[in-house]
Structures are given as C-alpha cells and as structure tokens.
Amino acid sequence: MFNDSVRILEHRNIDNKGHGHVIALEVLLAKVTIIANIFAPVRSLGREQQEFYESLGTLIEEFELKYILNEPNLIILGDFNLPLEPELNNRHNEKIRAGCLSDYFVAMGLTNCWKQNDDSVTFRTGQTRQDRIMFRINNSLREKLITDWTFTSSDHCLIQLNLWGDKKTISRRISSLPTYILKYKNCVEKKENGMMEFQSMCNPQWSVKTKLEFLKWV
C-alpha cells in the first residue's frame, strides 16, 4: 500500500502464522523507517501471545541495530488483542502481561496515539482499545487521531493517525539510544572511540555549549 516514492529495504514475518510483519523502508533518501504491522494472537492464547511479542521485540532490535547509523524512525500499529491499560483487563495474568508490554513500548521511546482521558474505543464488544498506533519519529510533529465505525461491519473500527511536521512545535523529548545497544560491546566501543575522536577536534577556547553542539552535529 506504499506509493512509488517508498523503497522497501527489508521485509520479515513475525511468525509463520500470518500474525504480522516488520518492514524497513526509505522514502526519497530520507531516514530509514521501521514499521511493524501486527495482528497479535488472541488473549486466550496467553503463552502464544507472549512468544509473539518476544519475536516482535527481537525483530525490531535486529532492524534497529542494522540501520542504527540511519537513526531509524519506528512505527508499531495494528490489533494488539490486549488492552494495554492494565485496569481494563479482568484477569490477573492479563493485567501483568499488559503492564509489562506497555512498559516495554515506553522504554523503546514510543509515543502512544491514545492520549490521557480519551474515552474512544476500537473494540465495540469489550469497549476497549485493542487497536493502536505507536511511533518514534525524529521530528517535531503535530498529531490528529480519528476513529470511524462507518468503514466496518466487524467489532473493530478504523483508526487513523495523521502526523505532520510543525516548525513552531518545540520537541521536549529526551533523545537517547535504545538501551539494548549496550549488549553489543563492539558497537559501544566504536561509539566511544568516535566520541573521543570528535572531542579531540574541539577547540579548547570553545564554551561547553559550543562543544556540546559540535558533538551533536558530528
């Protein structure tokens, strides 16, 4: 469903049961974007659902490490088959699973399309939000979220998230590297050596702020 300006770099299935896939793509030589489109196993298959999300996380980490020099954007969307608000899960095990999964996505630096005090739902029968879009995009953005039940005859509705750049918007998020990178000693050592090299290039007469801006630029 991508237009001609998109170049797909890589495509991997999350499992062999058609539960989703992860794609790395490039748009007109812009930064690489990793998109995970998922349809998780149903809630009653607790163990299978847990294994599915573990596979999803492994694939995302693999892609992010592979394209780390491109500072990839990340978008995860689809039917999670589990409301990530623990209080909306009646069973104890589901509460725990939802809480851990929600914390995991927060640790990945993802922004949830659902905002606080939004009472919209995407799953009519359970009056919950099993469907969602989460993103980590290295730009200042404005967001608009739309849900529409007129496009479906099922229990789930259309969810559409519009994102566009806004030069007036000031990003207040803290930029950081994904913590899983620390497991790869060669990668950490390469970054440390690179930072030491860049630091040696700084003019001793520069202010601390100028040095910091130089290091961020290089």
N, C-alpha and C. Protein backbone atom coordinates (compact mmCIF):
# COMPACT_ATOMS: atom_id res chain seq x y z
N MET A 1 0.82 -1.20 0.00
CA MET A 1 0.00 0.00 0.00
C MET A 1 0.86 1.27 0.00
N PHE A 2 2.18 1.13 -0.15
CA PHE A 2 3.05 2.30 -0.21
C PHE A 2 3.07 2.85 -1.63
N ASN A 3 3.32 4.15 -1.75
CA ASN A 3 3.39 4.73 -3.09
C ASN A 3 4.78 4.53 -3.70
N ASP A 4 4.97 5.05 -4.91
CA ASP A 4 6.19 4.79 -5.67
C ASP A 4 7.43 5.45 -5.07
N SER A 5 7.24 6.42 -4.19
CA SER A 5 8.40 7.09 -3.60
C SER A 5 9.04 6.28 -2.47
N VAL A 6 8.40 5.18 -2.08
CA VAL A 6 8.89 4.35 -0.99
C VAL A 6 9.73 3.20 -1.53
N ARG A 7 10.89 3.02 -0.94
CA ARG A 7 11.75 1.89 -1.31
C ARG A 7 11.82 0.93 -0.12
N ILE A 8 11.32 -0.28 -0.30
CA ILE A 8 11.35 -1.28 0.77
C ILE A 8 12.73 -1.92 0.82
N LEU A 9 13.40 -1.79 1.97
CA LEU A 9 14.75 -2.31 2.14
C LEU A 9 14.74 -3.76 2.61
N GLU A 10 13.75 -4.09 3.43
CA GLU A 10 13.73 -5.42 4.04
C GLU A 10 12.34 -5.73 4.56
N HIS A 11 11.96 -6.99 4.52
CA HIS A 11 10.65 -7.41 4.98
C HIS A 11 10.78 -8.76 5.67
N ARG A 12 10.26 -8.87 6.90
CA ARG A 12 10.34 -10.12 7.66
C ARG A 12 9.00 -10.40 8.33
N ASN A 13 8.55 -11.65 8.29
CA ASN A 13 7.36 -12.05 9.02
C ASN A 13 7.70 -12.25 10.50
N ILE A 14 6.76 -11.88 11.37
CA ILE A 14 6.99 -12.04 12.81
C ILE A 14 6.92 -13.51 13.20
N ASP A 15 5.98 -14.25 12.61
CA ASP A 15 5.91 -15.69 12.82
C ASP A 15 5.42 -16.33 11.52
N ASN A 16 5.18 -17.62 11.56
CA ASN A 16 4.74 -18.34 10.35
C ASN A 16 3.23 -18.56 10.33
N LYS A 17 2.50 -17.76 11.13
CA LYS A 17 1.05 -17.93 11.21
C LYS A 17 0.30 -16.71 10.67
N GLY A 18 1.01 -15.82 10.00
CA GLY A 18 0.35 -14.65 9.43
C GLY A 18 -0.04 -13.59 10.43
N HIS A 19 0.66 -13.52 11.56
CA HIS A 19 0.31 -12.56 12.60
C HIS A 19 0.98 -11.21 12.44
N GLY A 20 1.64 -11.00 11.33
CA GLY A 20 2.22 -9.67 11.10
C GLY A 20 3.61 -9.72 10.53
N HIS A 21 4.15 -8.54 10.27
CA HIS A 21 5.47 -8.45 9.67
C HIS A 21 6.14 -7.14 10.06
N VAL A 22 7.45 -7.09 9.86
CA VAL A 22 8.24 -5.89 10.13
C VAL A 22 8.92 -5.49 8.82
N ILE A 23 8.83 -4.21 8.47
CA ILE A 23 9.37 -3.70 7.22
C ILE A 23 10.31 -2.54 7.50
N ALA A 24 11.44 -2.52 6.82
CA ALA A 24 12.33 -1.36 6.83
C ALA A 24 12.20 -0.68 5.47
N LEU A 25 11.94 0.61 5.47
CA LEU A 25 11.74 1.31 4.20
C LEU A 25 12.42 2.67 4.22
N GLU A 26 12.56 3.22 3.04
CA GLU A 26 13.20 4.51 2.85
C GLU A 26 12.34 5.34 1.91
N VAL A 27 12.17 6.61 2.25
CA VAL A 27 11.34 7.50 1.43
C VAL A 27 12.21 8.62 0.89
N LEU A 28 12.47 8.60 -0.40
CA LEU A 28 13.22 9.66 -1.07
C LEU A 28 14.51 10.01 -0.34
N LEU A 29 15.28 8.98 -0.03
CA LEU A 29 16.59 9.14 0.61
C LEU A 29 16.51 9.75 2.01
N ALA A 30 15.32 9.75 2.58
CA ALA A 30 15.17 10.24 3.96
C ALA A 30 15.63 9.14 4.91
N LYS A 31 15.46 9.38 6.21
CA LYS A 31 15.87 8.38 7.19
C LYS A 31 15.07 7.10 7.03
N VAL A 32 15.69 6.01 7.43
CA VAL A 32 15.01 4.71 7.39
C VAL A 32 13.89 4.70 8.41
N THR A 33 12.77 4.11 8.04
CA THR A 33 11.64 3.94 8.96
C THR A 33 11.33 2.45 9.07
N ILE A 34 11.21 1.98 10.30
CA ILE A 34 10.85 0.59 10.57
C ILE A 34 9.38 0.56 10.95
N ILE A 35 8.61 -0.24 10.25
CA ILE A 35 7.17 -0.35 10.51
C ILE A 35 6.83 -1.78 10.89
N ALA A 36 6.20 -1.95 12.03
CA ALA A 36 5.72 -3.26 12.47
C ALA A 36 4.21 -3.27 12.39
N ASN A 37 3.66 -4.09 11.51
CA ASN A 37 2.22 -4.21 11.34
C ASN A 37 1.81 -5.55 11.96
N ILE A 38 1.00 -5.51 13.02
CA ILE A 38 0.76 -6.73 13.78
C ILE A 38 -0.73 -7.05 13.92
N PHE A 39 -0.98 -8.33 14.04
CA PHE A 39 -2.30 -8.85 14.41
C PHE A 39 -2.03 -9.96 15.42
N ALA A 40 -1.91 -9.57 16.67
CA ALA A 40 -1.44 -10.48 17.71
C ALA A 40 -2.39 -11.65 17.93
N PRO A 41 -1.87 -12.78 18.40
CA PRO A 41 -2.75 -13.90 18.79
C PRO A 41 -3.75 -13.45 19.83
N VAL A 42 -4.88 -14.12 19.90
CA VAL A 42 -5.96 -13.72 20.81
C VAL A 42 -5.52 -13.84 22.26
N ARG A 43 -6.22 -13.12 23.13
CA ARG A 43 -5.85 -13.04 24.55
C ARG A 43 -5.88 -14.40 25.24
N SER A 44 -6.77 -15.27 24.81
CA SER A 44 -6.89 -16.58 25.48
C SER A 44 -5.65 -17.45 25.27
N LEU A 45 -4.89 -17.16 24.23
CA LEU A 45 -3.65 -17.90 23.98
C LEU A 45 -2.49 -17.13 24.61
N GLY A 46 -2.48 -17.09 25.93
CA GLY A 46 -1.52 -16.27 26.66
C GLY A 46 -0.08 -16.55 26.32
N ARG A 47 0.29 -17.84 26.32
CA ARG A 47 1.67 -18.20 26.05
C ARG A 47 2.06 -17.87 24.61
N GLU A 48 1.17 -18.16 23.68
CA GLU A 48 1.45 -17.87 22.27
C GLU A 48 1.57 -16.36 22.05
N GLN A 49 0.73 -15.59 22.74
CA GLN A 49 0.80 -14.14 22.61
C GLN A 49 2.12 -13.61 23.16
N GLN A 50 2.55 -14.15 24.29
CA GLN A 50 3.82 -13.73 24.88
C GLN A 50 4.99 -14.04 23.94
N GLU A 51 4.99 -15.22 23.34
CA GLU A 51 6.05 -15.61 22.41
C GLU A 51 6.02 -14.71 21.17
N PHE A 52 4.81 -14.33 20.75
CA PHE A 52 4.68 -13.45 19.59
C PHE A 52 5.35 -12.10 19.86
N TYR A 53 5.07 -11.50 21.02
CA TYR A 53 5.65 -10.20 21.33
C TYR A 53 7.16 -10.29 21.56
N GLU A 54 7.62 -11.42 22.05
CA GLU A 54 9.06 -11.61 22.18
C GLU A 54 9.72 -11.66 20.80
N SER A 55 9.08 -12.33 19.85
CA SER A 55 9.60 -12.37 18.48
C SER A 55 9.57 -10.99 17.84
N LEU A 56 8.50 -10.25 18.10
CA LEU A 56 8.39 -8.89 17.58
C LEU A 56 9.53 -8.03 18.10
N GLY A 57 9.78 -8.09 19.40
CA GLY A 57 10.85 -7.30 20.00
C GLY A 57 12.22 -7.67 19.45
N THR A 58 12.45 -8.97 19.25
CA THR A 58 13.73 -9.42 18.70
C THR A 58 13.94 -8.88 17.29
N LEU A 59 12.89 -8.92 16.47
CA LEU A 59 12.99 -8.41 15.10
C LEU A 59 13.26 -6.91 15.07
N ILE A 60 12.55 -6.16 15.91
CA ILE A 60 12.73 -4.71 15.94
C ILE A 60 14.15 -4.36 16.37
N GLU A 61 14.66 -5.03 17.40
CA GLU A 61 16.02 -4.79 17.86
C GLU A 61 17.03 -5.11 16.75
N GLU A 62 16.79 -6.19 16.04
CA GLU A 62 17.68 -6.58 14.94
C GLU A 62 17.69 -5.50 13.85
N PHE A 63 16.52 -5.01 13.48
CA PHE A 63 16.42 -3.98 12.45
C PHE A 63 17.05 -2.66 12.92
N GLU A 64 16.77 -2.28 14.17
CA GLU A 64 17.30 -1.01 14.67
C GLU A 64 18.82 -1.05 14.75
N LEU A 65 19.38 -2.18 15.13
CA LEU A 65 20.83 -2.30 15.18
C LEU A 65 21.42 -2.27 13.79
N LYS A 66 20.76 -2.92 12.85
CA LYS A 66 21.27 -2.98 11.47
C LYS A 66 21.29 -1.61 10.83
N TYR A 67 20.28 -0.78 11.12
CA TYR A 67 20.18 0.54 10.50
C TYR A 67 20.48 1.65 11.48
N ILE A 68 21.26 1.36 12.50
CA ILE A 68 21.50 2.31 13.58
C ILE A 68 22.12 3.61 13.09
N LEU A 69 22.98 3.54 12.08
CA LEU A 69 23.63 4.74 11.57
C LEU A 69 22.64 5.66 10.86
N ASN A 70 21.49 5.12 10.48
CA ASN A 70 20.44 5.92 9.84
C ASN A 70 19.47 6.54 10.84
N GLU A 71 19.71 6.26 12.14
CA GLU A 71 18.80 6.75 13.19
C GLU A 71 17.36 6.48 12.81
N PRO A 72 16.98 5.22 12.70
CA PRO A 72 15.67 4.88 12.13
C PRO A 72 14.49 5.35 12.98
N ASN A 73 13.43 5.78 12.28
CA ASN A 73 12.15 6.00 12.92
C ASN A 73 11.50 4.65 13.17
N LEU A 74 10.52 4.61 14.05
CA LEU A 74 9.85 3.35 14.37
C LEU A 74 8.35 3.58 14.51
N ILE A 75 7.56 2.75 13.84
CA ILE A 75 6.10 2.79 13.95
C ILE A 75 5.60 1.37 14.19
N ILE A 76 4.79 1.20 15.22
CA ILE A 76 4.16 -0.09 15.51
C ILE A 76 2.65 0.13 15.51
N LEU A 77 1.93 -0.66 14.74
CA LEU A 77 0.49 -0.46 14.65
C LEU A 77 -0.22 -1.78 14.40
N GLY A 78 -1.51 -1.82 14.74
CA GLY A 78 -2.30 -3.00 14.47
C GLY A 78 -3.21 -3.36 15.63
N ASP A 79 -3.69 -4.60 15.58
CA ASP A 79 -4.58 -5.14 16.61
C ASP A 79 -3.73 -5.88 17.63
N PHE A 80 -3.58 -5.31 18.82
CA PHE A 80 -2.72 -5.89 19.85
C PHE A 80 -3.42 -7.04 20.58
N ASN A 81 -4.74 -7.16 20.39
CA ASN A 81 -5.52 -8.21 21.05
C ASN A 81 -5.31 -8.22 22.56
N LEU A 82 -4.99 -7.05 23.11
CA LEU A 82 -4.82 -6.91 24.55
C LEU A 82 -4.84 -5.42 24.88
N PRO A 83 -5.83 -4.95 25.64
CA PRO A 83 -5.81 -3.54 26.04
C PRO A 83 -4.58 -3.26 26.91
N LEU A 84 -3.78 -2.29 26.53
CA LEU A 84 -2.54 -2.04 27.24
C LEU A 84 -2.75 -1.27 28.54
N GLU A 85 -3.99 -0.88 28.81
CA GLU A 85 -4.30 -0.30 30.11
C GLU A 85 -4.61 -1.46 31.06
N PRO A 86 -3.71 -1.78 31.99
CA PRO A 86 -3.89 -2.95 32.86
C PRO A 86 -5.23 -3.00 33.56
N GLU A 87 -5.79 -1.83 33.90
CA GLU A 87 -7.05 -1.82 34.64
C GLU A 87 -8.22 -2.31 33.79
N LEU A 88 -8.06 -2.37 32.46
CA LEU A 88 -9.13 -2.84 31.60
C LEU A 88 -9.08 -4.35 31.38
N ASN A 89 -8.13 -5.02 32.01
CA ASN A 89 -8.02 -6.47 31.91
C ASN A 89 -8.53 -7.11 33.19
N ASN A 90 -9.48 -8.01 33.05
CA ASN A 90 -10.13 -8.60 34.22
C ASN A 90 -9.28 -9.66 34.89
N ARG A 91 -8.49 -10.38 34.13
CA ARG A 91 -7.71 -11.47 34.70
C ARG A 91 -6.34 -10.99 35.16
N HIS A 92 -5.88 -11.60 36.26
CA HIS A 92 -4.61 -11.18 36.86
C HIS A 92 -3.45 -11.33 35.88
N ASN A 93 -3.38 -12.47 35.19
CA ASN A 93 -2.28 -12.70 34.26
C ASN A 93 -2.29 -11.70 33.11
N GLU A 94 -3.49 -11.33 32.67
CA GLU A 94 -3.59 -10.35 31.59
C GLU A 94 -3.17 -8.96 32.06
N LYS A 95 -3.49 -8.62 33.30
CA LYS A 95 -3.04 -7.35 33.85
C LYS A 95 -1.52 -7.26 33.83
N ILE A 96 -0.88 -8.34 34.27
CA ILE A 96 0.58 -8.37 34.33
C ILE A 96 1.16 -8.27 32.92
N ARG A 97 0.60 -9.05 32.00
CA ARG A 97 1.11 -9.06 30.63
C ARG A 97 0.93 -7.69 29.97
N ALA A 98 -0.22 -7.06 30.19
CA ALA A 98 -0.47 -5.73 29.62
C ALA A 98 0.48 -4.69 30.20
N GLY A 99 0.70 -4.76 31.51
CA GLY A 99 1.60 -3.80 32.15
C GLY A 99 3.03 -3.93 31.66
N CYS A 100 3.52 -5.17 31.54
CA CYS A 100 4.89 -5.40 31.07
C CYS A 100 5.05 -4.95 29.63
N LEU A 101 4.04 -5.24 28.80
CA LEU A 101 4.11 -4.87 27.39
C LEU A 101 4.08 -3.35 27.24
N SER A 102 3.23 -2.69 28.00
CA SER A 102 3.15 -1.23 27.96
C SER A 102 4.47 -0.60 28.38
N ASP A 103 5.08 -1.12 29.45
CA ASP A 103 6.37 -0.60 29.92
C ASP A 103 7.46 -0.82 28.87
N TYR A 104 7.38 -1.95 28.18
CA TYR A 104 8.38 -2.27 27.16
C TYR A 104 8.32 -1.25 26.02
N PHE A 105 7.11 -0.90 25.58
CA PHE A 105 6.96 0.06 24.49
C PHE A 105 7.39 1.47 24.94
N VAL A 106 7.12 1.81 26.20
CA VAL A 106 7.57 3.10 26.71
C VAL A 106 9.09 3.16 26.73
N ALA A 107 9.74 2.06 27.11
CA ALA A 107 11.19 2.00 27.14
C ALA A 107 11.80 2.15 25.76
N MET A 108 11.04 1.80 24.73
CA MET A 108 11.51 1.94 23.36
C MET A 108 11.36 3.37 22.85
N GLY A 109 10.84 4.26 23.68
CA GLY A 109 10.69 5.66 23.31
C GLY A 109 9.51 5.93 22.41
N LEU A 110 8.51 5.03 22.44
CA LEU A 110 7.36 5.18 21.56
C LEU A 110 6.29 6.08 22.16
N THR A 111 5.66 6.88 21.32
CA THR A 111 4.55 7.72 21.72
C THR A 111 3.26 7.01 21.34
N ASN A 112 2.36 6.87 22.30
CA ASN A 112 1.08 6.21 22.06
C ASN A 112 0.11 7.21 21.43
N CYS A 113 -0.60 6.78 20.39
CA CYS A 113 -1.55 7.68 19.74
C CYS A 113 -2.71 8.04 20.66
N TRP A 114 -3.04 7.15 21.62
CA TRP A 114 -4.13 7.43 22.55
C TRP A 114 -3.64 8.35 23.65
N LYS A 115 -4.37 9.40 23.89
CA LYS A 115 -3.98 10.37 24.91
C LYS A 115 -4.79 10.18 26.18
N GLN A 116 -4.31 10.75 27.25
CA GLN A 116 -4.98 10.62 28.54
C GLN A 116 -6.39 11.20 28.48
N ASN A 117 -7.31 10.50 29.12
CA ASN A 117 -8.72 10.91 29.21
C ASN A 117 -9.49 10.78 27.90
N ASP A 118 -8.90 10.11 26.92
CA ASP A 118 -9.63 9.83 25.67
C ASP A 118 -10.52 8.62 25.92
N ASP A 119 -11.82 8.79 25.74
CA ASP A 119 -12.75 7.70 26.05
C ASP A 119 -13.16 6.91 24.79
N SER A 120 -12.49 7.12 23.66
CA SER A 120 -12.81 6.37 22.45
C SER A 120 -12.39 4.91 22.60
N VAL A 121 -13.06 4.03 21.87
CA VAL A 121 -12.72 2.61 21.87
C VAL A 121 -12.61 2.14 20.42
N THR A 122 -11.91 1.03 20.21
CA THR A 122 -11.82 0.45 18.87
C THR A 122 -12.40 -0.96 18.82
N PHE A 123 -12.73 -1.50 19.99
CA PHE A 123 -13.31 -2.83 20.06
C PHE A 123 -14.66 -2.72 20.74
N ARG A 124 -15.74 -2.80 19.95
CA ARG A 124 -17.08 -2.49 20.45
C ARG A 124 -17.52 -3.47 21.54
N THR A 125 -17.32 -4.76 21.33
CA THR A 125 -17.83 -5.77 22.27
C THR A 125 -17.27 -5.57 23.67
N GLY A 126 -15.96 -5.35 23.75
CA GLY A 126 -15.34 -5.20 25.06
C GLY A 126 -15.20 -3.76 25.51
N GLN A 127 -15.63 -2.80 24.66
CA GLN A 127 -15.50 -1.38 24.97
C GLN A 127 -14.06 -1.05 25.40
N THR A 128 -13.10 -1.53 24.62
CA THR A 128 -11.69 -1.32 24.94
C THR A 128 -10.94 -0.86 23.70
N ARG A 129 -9.67 -0.55 23.90
CA ARG A 129 -8.79 -0.14 22.80
C ARG A 129 -7.74 -1.23 22.57
N GLN A 130 -8.08 -2.19 21.76
CA GLN A 130 -7.11 -3.23 21.41
C GLN A 130 -6.26 -2.80 20.22
N ASP A 131 -6.75 -1.84 19.45
CA ASP A 131 -6.04 -1.36 18.28
C ASP A 131 -5.36 -0.03 18.61
N ARG A 132 -4.15 0.14 18.11
CA ARG A 132 -3.45 1.38 18.39
C ARG A 132 -2.29 1.58 17.42
N ILE A 133 -1.77 2.80 17.43
CA ILE A 133 -0.61 3.16 16.64
C ILE A 133 0.38 3.82 17.60
N MET A 134 1.62 3.37 17.57
CA MET A 134 2.68 3.97 18.38
C MET A 134 3.83 4.34 17.48
N PHE A 135 4.52 5.41 17.81
CA PHE A 135 5.56 5.88 16.90
C PHE A 135 6.70 6.56 17.66
N ARG A 136 7.86 6.51 17.03
CA ARG A 136 9.04 7.26 17.48
C ARG A 136 9.65 7.86 16.22
N ILE A 137 9.41 9.14 16.02
CA ILE A 137 9.84 9.82 14.80
C ILE A 137 10.69 11.01 15.20
N ASN A 138 11.84 11.14 14.57
CA ASN A 138 12.82 12.14 14.97
C ASN A 138 12.53 13.52 14.39
N ASN A 139 11.33 13.98 14.59
CA ASN A 139 10.92 15.32 14.16
C ASN A 139 9.89 15.84 15.15
N SER A 140 9.73 17.15 15.16
CA SER A 140 8.63 17.75 15.91
C SER A 140 7.36 17.59 15.09
N LEU A 141 6.34 17.01 15.68
CA LEU A 141 5.14 16.67 14.93
C LEU A 141 3.88 17.17 15.61
N ARG A 142 2.87 17.38 14.80
CA ARG A 142 1.52 17.55 15.31
C ARG A 142 0.74 16.29 14.97
N GLU A 143 -0.22 15.96 15.82
CA GLU A 143 -0.95 14.71 15.66
C GLU A 143 -2.46 14.97 15.60
N LYS A 144 -3.12 14.11 14.83
CA LYS A 144 -4.58 14.12 14.83
C LYS A 144 -5.05 12.68 14.71
N LEU A 145 -5.85 12.24 15.68
CA LEU A 145 -6.32 10.86 15.73
C LEU A 145 -7.80 10.80 15.38
N ILE A 146 -8.16 9.87 14.51
CA ILE A 146 -9.54 9.72 14.07
C ILE A 146 -9.97 8.27 14.23
N THR A 147 -11.15 8.03 14.78
CA THR A 147 -11.75 6.69 14.77
C THR A 147 -13.07 6.77 14.05
N ASP A 148 -13.36 5.76 13.25
CA ASP A 148 -14.56 5.80 12.40
C ASP A 148 -15.16 4.40 12.30
N TRP A 149 -16.41 4.26 12.74
CA TRP A 149 -17.10 2.97 12.71
C TRP A 149 -17.85 2.74 11.40
N THR A 150 -17.89 3.73 10.53
CA THR A 150 -18.69 3.57 9.31
C THR A 150 -17.97 2.75 8.25
N PHE A 151 -16.69 2.45 8.46
CA PHE A 151 -15.93 1.72 7.46
C PHE A 151 -15.91 0.21 7.73
N THR A 152 -16.67 -0.26 8.71
CA THR A 152 -16.56 -1.67 9.07
C THR A 152 -17.90 -2.23 9.55
N SER A 153 -18.03 -3.53 9.39
CA SER A 153 -19.19 -4.23 9.94
C SER A 153 -18.75 -5.18 11.05
N SER A 154 -17.47 -5.12 11.42
CA SER A 154 -16.93 -6.01 12.45
C SER A 154 -16.97 -5.32 13.81
N ASP A 155 -16.35 -5.95 14.81
CA ASP A 155 -16.28 -5.37 16.15
C ASP A 155 -15.22 -4.29 16.26
N HIS A 156 -14.38 -4.16 15.23
CA HIS A 156 -13.28 -3.20 15.28
C HIS A 156 -13.52 -2.06 14.30
N CYS A 157 -13.05 -0.87 14.67
CA CYS A 157 -13.27 0.29 13.81
C CYS A 157 -11.97 0.73 13.13
N LEU A 158 -12.10 1.65 12.21
CA LEU A 158 -10.95 2.27 11.56
C LEU A 158 -10.28 3.23 12.54
N ILE A 159 -8.96 3.16 12.62
CA ILE A 159 -8.21 4.12 13.42
C ILE A 159 -7.17 4.74 12.50
N GLN A 160 -7.18 6.05 12.43
CA GLN A 160 -6.31 6.78 11.51
C GLN A 160 -5.55 7.86 12.28
N LEU A 161 -4.24 7.85 12.13
CA LEU A 161 -3.40 8.85 12.79
C LEU A 161 -2.69 9.68 11.74
N ASN A 162 -2.93 10.99 11.76
CA ASN A 162 -2.26 11.91 10.84
C ASN A 162 -1.13 12.60 11.59
N LEU A 163 0.07 12.57 11.01
CA LEU A 163 1.24 13.22 11.58
C LEU A 163 1.81 14.19 10.55
N TRP A 164 2.13 15.39 10.98
CA TRP A 164 2.78 16.31 10.06
C TRP A 164 3.71 17.22 10.84
N GLY A 165 4.78 17.66 10.16
CA GLY A 165 5.77 18.50 10.79
C GLY A 165 5.23 19.87 11.12
N ASP A 166 5.74 20.42 12.19
CA ASP A 166 5.31 21.75 12.61
C ASP A 166 6.54 22.49 13.12
N LYS A 167 7.01 23.47 12.35
CA LYS A 167 8.23 24.18 12.73
C LYS A 167 8.03 24.96 14.02
N LYS A 168 6.78 25.27 14.35
CA LYS A 168 6.53 26.03 15.57
C LYS A 168 6.55 25.15 16.81
N THR A 169 6.46 23.83 16.60
CA THR A 169 6.44 22.90 17.73
C THR A 169 7.85 22.65 18.23
N ILE A 170 8.06 22.77 19.50
CA ILE A 170 9.36 22.51 20.10
C ILE A 170 9.32 21.15 20.78
N SER A 171 10.20 20.27 20.34
CA SER A 171 10.22 18.93 20.93
C SER A 171 10.88 18.99 22.30
N ARG A 172 10.20 18.45 23.29
CA ARG A 172 10.75 18.43 24.64
C ARG A 172 11.12 17.02 25.08
N ARG A 173 11.20 16.11 24.12
CA ARG A 173 11.56 14.75 24.47
C ARG A 173 13.07 14.61 24.63
N ILE A 174 13.49 13.72 25.46
CA ILE A 174 14.90 13.46 25.67
C ILE A 174 15.34 12.41 24.66
N SER A 175 16.31 12.76 23.82
CA SER A 175 16.80 11.81 22.83
C SER A 175 17.83 10.90 23.47
N SER A 176 17.72 9.63 23.20
CA SER A 176 18.67 8.67 23.77
C SER A 176 18.75 7.46 22.87
N LEU A 177 19.83 6.71 23.02
CA LEU A 177 19.99 5.49 22.25
C LEU A 177 19.20 4.38 22.93
N PRO A 178 18.67 3.43 22.15
CA PRO A 178 17.99 2.28 22.75
C PRO A 178 18.95 1.52 23.66
N THR A 179 18.48 1.14 24.85
CA THR A 179 19.36 0.51 25.84
C THR A 179 19.88 -0.85 25.40
N TYR A 180 19.18 -1.52 24.47
CA TYR A 180 19.65 -2.85 24.06
C TYR A 180 21.01 -2.79 23.38
N ILE A 181 21.40 -1.60 22.86
CA ILE A 181 22.68 -1.45 22.17
C ILE A 181 23.83 -1.75 23.13
N LEU A 182 23.62 -1.52 24.42
CA LEU A 182 24.67 -1.75 25.41
C LEU A 182 25.10 -3.22 25.47
N LYS A 183 24.26 -4.12 24.95
CA LYS A 183 24.61 -5.55 24.94
C LYS A 183 25.66 -5.86 23.89
N TYR A 184 25.84 -4.96 22.92
CA TYR A 184 26.77 -5.20 21.82
C TYR A 184 28.05 -4.40 22.08
N LYS A 185 29.06 -5.06 22.66
CA LYS A 185 30.27 -4.38 23.12
C LYS A 185 31.02 -3.72 21.97
N ASN A 186 31.05 -4.37 20.82
CA ASN A 186 31.76 -3.78 19.68
C ASN A 186 31.13 -2.46 19.26
N CYS A 187 29.79 -2.42 19.28
CA CYS A 187 29.07 -1.21 18.90
C CYS A 187 29.34 -0.09 19.91
N VAL A 188 29.31 -0.41 21.22
CA VAL A 188 29.56 0.58 22.26
C VAL A 188 30.99 1.11 22.16
N GLU A 189 31.94 0.20 21.93
CA GLU A 189 33.35 0.60 21.83
C GLU A 189 33.56 1.52 20.63
N LYS A 190 32.91 1.20 19.52
CA LYS A 190 33.04 2.04 18.32
C LYS A 190 32.52 3.45 18.58
N LYS A 191 31.38 3.54 19.29
CA LYS A 191 30.81 4.85 19.58
C LYS A 191 31.70 5.63 20.56
N GLU A 192 32.27 4.93 21.54
CA GLU A 192 33.14 5.60 22.50
C GLU A 192 34.38 6.15 21.79
N ASN A 193 34.98 5.34 20.92
CA ASN A 193 36.16 5.79 20.18
C ASN A 193 35.83 6.98 19.28
N GLY A 194 34.65 6.91 18.65
CA GLY A 194 34.24 8.01 17.79
C GLY A 194 34.05 9.31 18.56
N MET A 195 33.42 9.22 19.75
CA MET A 195 33.20 10.40 20.57
C MET A 195 34.53 10.99 21.06
N MET A 196 35.50 10.12 21.41
CA MET A 196 36.81 10.60 21.85
C MET A 196 37.51 11.32 20.72
N GLU A 197 37.37 10.79 19.50
CA GLU A 197 38.00 11.42 18.34
C GLU A 197 37.38 12.80 18.08
N PHE A 198 36.04 12.87 18.14
CA PHE A 198 35.37 14.14 17.91
C PHE A 198 35.72 15.15 19.01
N GLN A 199 35.85 14.66 20.24
CA GLN A 199 36.17 15.55 21.35
C GLN A 199 37.55 16.17 21.17
N SER A 200 38.50 15.38 20.62
CA SER A 200 39.86 15.89 20.40
C SER A 200 39.89 16.97 19.33
N MET A 201 38.84 17.03 18.50
CA MET A 201 38.76 18.02 17.44
C MET A 201 38.22 19.36 17.94
N CYS A 202 37.68 19.37 19.16
CA CYS A 202 37.09 20.59 19.70
C CYS A 202 38.19 21.63 19.99
N ASN A 203 37.87 22.89 19.75
CA ASN A 203 38.78 23.99 20.08
C ASN A 203 38.74 24.23 21.58
N PRO A 204 39.91 24.26 22.26
CA PRO A 204 39.92 24.46 23.72
C PRO A 204 39.25 25.76 24.16
N GLN A 205 39.17 26.73 23.26
CA GLN A 205 38.58 28.02 23.61
C GLN A 205 37.06 28.02 23.49
N TRP A 206 36.50 26.95 22.97
CA TRP A 206 35.04 26.88 22.84
C TRP A 206 34.39 26.77 24.20
N SER A 207 33.17 27.28 24.30
CA SER A 207 32.40 27.10 25.53
C SER A 207 31.86 25.68 25.59
N VAL A 208 31.40 25.30 26.78
CA VAL A 208 30.86 23.94 26.95
C VAL A 208 29.67 23.73 26.01
N LYS A 209 28.82 24.75 25.86
CA LYS A 209 27.65 24.64 25.00
C LYS A 209 28.06 24.45 23.54
N THR A 210 29.08 25.19 23.10
CA THR A 210 29.55 25.06 21.72
C THR A 210 30.11 23.66 21.48
N LYS A 211 30.88 23.16 22.44
CA LYS A 211 31.42 21.81 22.30
C LYS A 211 30.31 20.77 22.20
N LEU A 212 29.27 20.94 23.02
CA LEU A 212 28.16 20.00 23.01
C LEU A 212 27.45 20.04 21.66
N GLU A 213 27.20 21.25 21.14
CA GLU A 213 26.54 21.37 19.85
C GLU A 213 27.39 20.77 18.74
N PHE A 214 28.71 20.91 18.83
CA PHE A 214 29.61 20.33 17.84
C PHE A 214 29.53 18.80 17.88
N LEU A 215 29.56 18.24 19.08
CA LEU A 215 29.48 16.79 19.21
C LEU A 215 28.16 16.26 18.70
N LYS A 216 27.09 16.99 18.94
CA LYS A 216 25.76 16.57 18.43
C LYS A 216 25.73 16.64 16.92
N TRP A 217 26.40 17.63 16.34
CA TRP A 217 26.38 17.82 14.90
C TRP A 217 27.18 16.73 14.19
N VAL A 218 28.36 16.38 14.74
CA VAL A 218 29.18 15.37 14.08
C VAL A 218 28.62 13.98 14.34
